[in-house]
Amino acid sequence: MAVSSHKMKQARHRKYAGLTLLGNSEAAFPKSPQQATLETFPNPNPKRGYWIHLDCPDFTSLCPVTGQPDFAEILIEYVPDKLCLETKSLKLYLSSYRNVHSFNEQVINRILDDLVKSCKPRKMKVEGRFAARGGLALTVVASQPDAPLSDGGCS
């Protein structure tokens, strides 16, 4: 029994050997998205199409003009293919935007591009619900594959 348990632990270690941030108490917050590492792990059920929903209620980036913080809730939904996003690396990646001067539209599209590149999902949607500034709230939604333009809600 102990040999079997030991072999199972070794197999699990090999399977997840690429995960360097999970369980690493010394993992630091990256200074920028370029310095962040998005890690993945094998989809435990690749034959089934199922949705994964992730919610980051305390996202922050910086206005490119004023330098003031933009606060948002980031919602990520995706149908994984062969890989799933590892959530600690995602948390560190999203936190790297706290020093990024960028328009909200640019931030959400970049997050989508980076996540799609990392895990190559069947489908993915990233929504940024930015807090009101000057009495105006902004929501940006980007998806892969691209959503038809008629889905925007305004006519």
Protein backbone atom coordinates (compact mmCIF):
# COMPACT_ATOMS: atom_id res chain seq x y z
CA MET A 1 0.00 0.00 0.00
CA ALA A 2 2.79 2.45 0.89
CA VAL A 3 4.56 1.78 -2.42
CA SER A 4 1.37 2.47 -4.34
CA SER A 5 0.78 5.68 -2.39
CA HIS A 6 4.38 6.79 -3.01
CA LYS A 7 4.06 6.10 -6.75
CA MET A 8 0.81 8.06 -6.86
CA LYS A 9 2.48 11.04 -5.17
CA GLN A 10 5.37 10.90 -7.66
CA ALA A 11 2.97 10.76 -10.61
CA ARG A 12 0.99 13.73 -9.23
CA HIS A 13 4.24 15.68 -8.70
CA ARG A 14 5.27 15.06 -12.33
CA LYS A 15 1.82 16.02 -13.61
CA TYR A 16 1.90 19.38 -11.82
CA ALA A 17 5.66 20.01 -11.95
CA GLY A 18 5.10 23.14 -14.07
CA LEU A 19 3.19 24.89 -11.27
CA THR A 20 5.77 27.08 -9.57
CA LEU A 21 3.51 29.61 -7.82
CA LEU A 22 0.92 27.40 -6.12
CA GLY A 23 2.20 26.52 -2.66
CA ASN A 24 5.11 28.95 -2.99
CA SER A 25 4.81 31.36 -0.06
CA GLU A 26 7.62 33.49 -1.50
CA ALA A 27 5.86 34.20 -4.80
CA ALA A 28 5.95 37.98 -5.21
CA PHE A 29 3.48 40.27 -6.91
CA PRO A 30 4.79 41.05 -10.41
CA LYS A 31 5.45 44.68 -11.29
CA SER A 32 3.73 44.42 -14.67
CA PRO A 33 1.70 41.95 -16.74
CA GLN A 34 4.82 41.33 -18.86
CA GLN A 35 6.63 40.06 -15.76
CA ALA A 36 3.69 37.91 -14.62
CA THR A 37 3.48 34.18 -15.21
CA LEU A 38 0.15 32.59 -16.07
CA GLU A 39 0.31 28.91 -15.18
CA THR A 40 -1.99 26.13 -16.31
CA PHE A 41 -2.72 22.54 -15.43
CA PRO A 42 -4.30 19.70 -17.43
CA ASN A 43 -8.09 19.86 -17.68
CA PRO A 44 -9.34 17.01 -15.49
CA ASN A 45 -12.32 16.44 -17.80
CA PRO A 46 -11.34 17.53 -21.35
CA LYS A 47 -14.13 15.60 -23.06
CA ARG A 48 -16.85 17.60 -21.32
CA GLY A 49 -17.69 21.19 -22.21
CA TYR A 50 -18.13 22.97 -18.87
CA TRP A 51 -17.85 26.59 -17.74
CA ILE A 52 -15.41 27.95 -15.18
CA HIS A 53 -16.37 31.28 -13.59
CA LEU A 54 -13.77 33.45 -11.83
CA ASP A 55 -14.47 36.73 -10.04
CA CYS A 56 -11.88 39.31 -9.00
CA PRO A 57 -13.85 42.00 -7.12
CA ASP A 58 -10.85 44.20 -6.25
CA PHE A 59 -9.00 44.86 -9.51
CA THR A 60 -7.07 48.12 -9.91
CA SER A 61 -5.29 49.79 -12.80
CA LEU A 62 -4.33 53.42 -13.44
CA CYS A 63 -5.87 56.03 -15.72
CA PRO A 64 -3.32 56.78 -18.48
CA VAL A 65 -4.06 60.53 -18.35
CA THR A 66 -4.60 61.39 -14.68
CA GLY A 67 -2.76 58.52 -13.00
CA GLN A 68 -5.76 58.04 -10.71
CA PRO A 69 -6.71 54.46 -9.84
CA ASP A 70 -9.52 52.76 -11.75
CA PHE A 71 -11.31 50.17 -9.61
CA ALA A 72 -13.14 47.27 -11.21
CA GLU A 73 -14.63 43.87 -10.75
CA ILE A 74 -13.18 41.47 -13.32
CA LEU A 75 -15.34 38.49 -14.29
CA ILE A 76 -13.78 35.68 -16.31
CA GLU A 77 -15.77 32.83 -17.80
CA TYR A 78 -14.31 30.11 -19.97
CA VAL A 79 -14.82 26.64 -21.33
CA PRO A 80 -11.45 24.91 -21.01
CA ASP A 81 -10.04 22.69 -23.70
CA LYS A 82 -6.85 20.86 -22.68
CA LEU A 83 -5.71 23.32 -20.00
CA CYS A 84 -7.19 25.18 -17.03
CA LEU A 85 -5.87 28.40 -15.52
CA GLU A 86 -4.18 28.02 -12.15
CA THR A 87 -5.88 30.58 -9.91
CA LYS A 88 -2.93 31.75 -7.80
CA SER A 89 -1.00 32.69 -10.93
CA LEU A 90 -4.14 34.43 -12.23
CA LYS A 91 -4.45 36.40 -8.98
CA LEU A 92 -0.82 37.52 -9.23
CA TYR A 93 -1.25 38.37 -12.93
CA LEU A 94 -4.34 40.50 -12.28
CA SER A 95 -2.62 42.29 -9.40
CA SER A 96 0.21 43.28 -11.75
CA TYR A 97 -2.13 45.82 -13.37
CA ARG A 98 -2.11 48.02 -10.26
CA ASN A 99 0.83 49.97 -11.73
CA VAL A 100 -0.33 49.94 -15.37
CA HIS A 101 -1.47 53.19 -16.99
CA SER A 102 -4.06 52.09 -19.53
CA PHE A 103 -7.58 52.76 -20.74
CA ASN A 104 -10.14 50.31 -19.38
CA GLU A 105 -10.97 48.98 -22.86
CA GLN A 106 -7.30 48.22 -23.46
CA VAL A 107 -6.94 46.45 -20.09
CA ILE A 108 -9.85 44.06 -20.67
CA ASN A 109 -8.79 43.19 -24.22
CA ARG A 110 -5.21 42.57 -23.07
CA ILE A 111 -6.37 40.32 -20.23
CA LEU A 112 -8.45 38.31 -22.71
CA ASP A 113 -5.52 38.02 -25.15
CA ASP A 114 -3.10 36.92 -22.42
CA LEU A 115 -5.50 34.35 -20.94
CA VAL A 116 -6.42 32.90 -24.33
CA LYS A 117 -2.75 32.61 -25.22
CA SER A 118 -2.03 30.88 -21.92
CA CYS A 119 -4.76 28.22 -21.76
CA LYS A 120 -6.24 28.13 -25.31
CA PRO A 121 -9.86 27.67 -24.15
CA ARG A 122 -12.78 26.63 -26.33
CA LYS A 123 -14.52 29.89 -25.36
CA MET A 124 -13.69 32.76 -23.03
CA LYS A 125 -15.28 36.01 -21.93
CA VAL A 126 -13.67 38.72 -19.80
CA GLU A 127 -15.87 41.45 -18.33
CA GLY A 128 -14.59 44.51 -16.51
CA ARG A 129 -17.14 46.43 -14.43
CA PHE A 130 -15.33 49.66 -13.64
CA ALA A 131 -16.48 51.78 -10.70
CA ALA A 132 -18.12 55.09 -11.46
CA ARG A 133 -15.87 58.13 -11.80
CA GLY A 134 -17.49 61.48 -12.39
CA GLY A 135 -20.91 59.85 -12.23
CA LEU A 136 -20.24 57.40 -15.08
CA ALA A 137 -19.60 53.68 -14.72
CA LEU A 138 -18.06 51.69 -17.57
CA THR A 139 -18.34 47.99 -18.40
CA VAL A 140 -16.14 46.39 -21.05
CA VAL A 141 -16.77 42.85 -22.35
CA ALA A 142 -14.37 41.02 -24.67
CA SER A 143 -14.77 37.44 -25.84
CA GLN A 144 -13.06 34.70 -27.81
CA PRO A 145 -14.26 33.81 -30.32
CA ASP A 146 -15.36 37.35 -31.03
CA ALA A 147 -18.98 38.08 -30.20
CA PRO A 148 -21.11 39.44 -33.04
CA LEU A 149 -21.29 43.23 -32.96
CA SER A 150 -25.08 43.06 -32.72
CA ASP A 151 -24.72 41.65 -29.18
CA GLY A 152 -23.69 45.05 -27.84
CA GLY A 153 -27.19 45.93 -26.66
CA CYS A 154 -27.35 49.41 -28.20
CA SER A 155 -29.10 49.99 -31.50
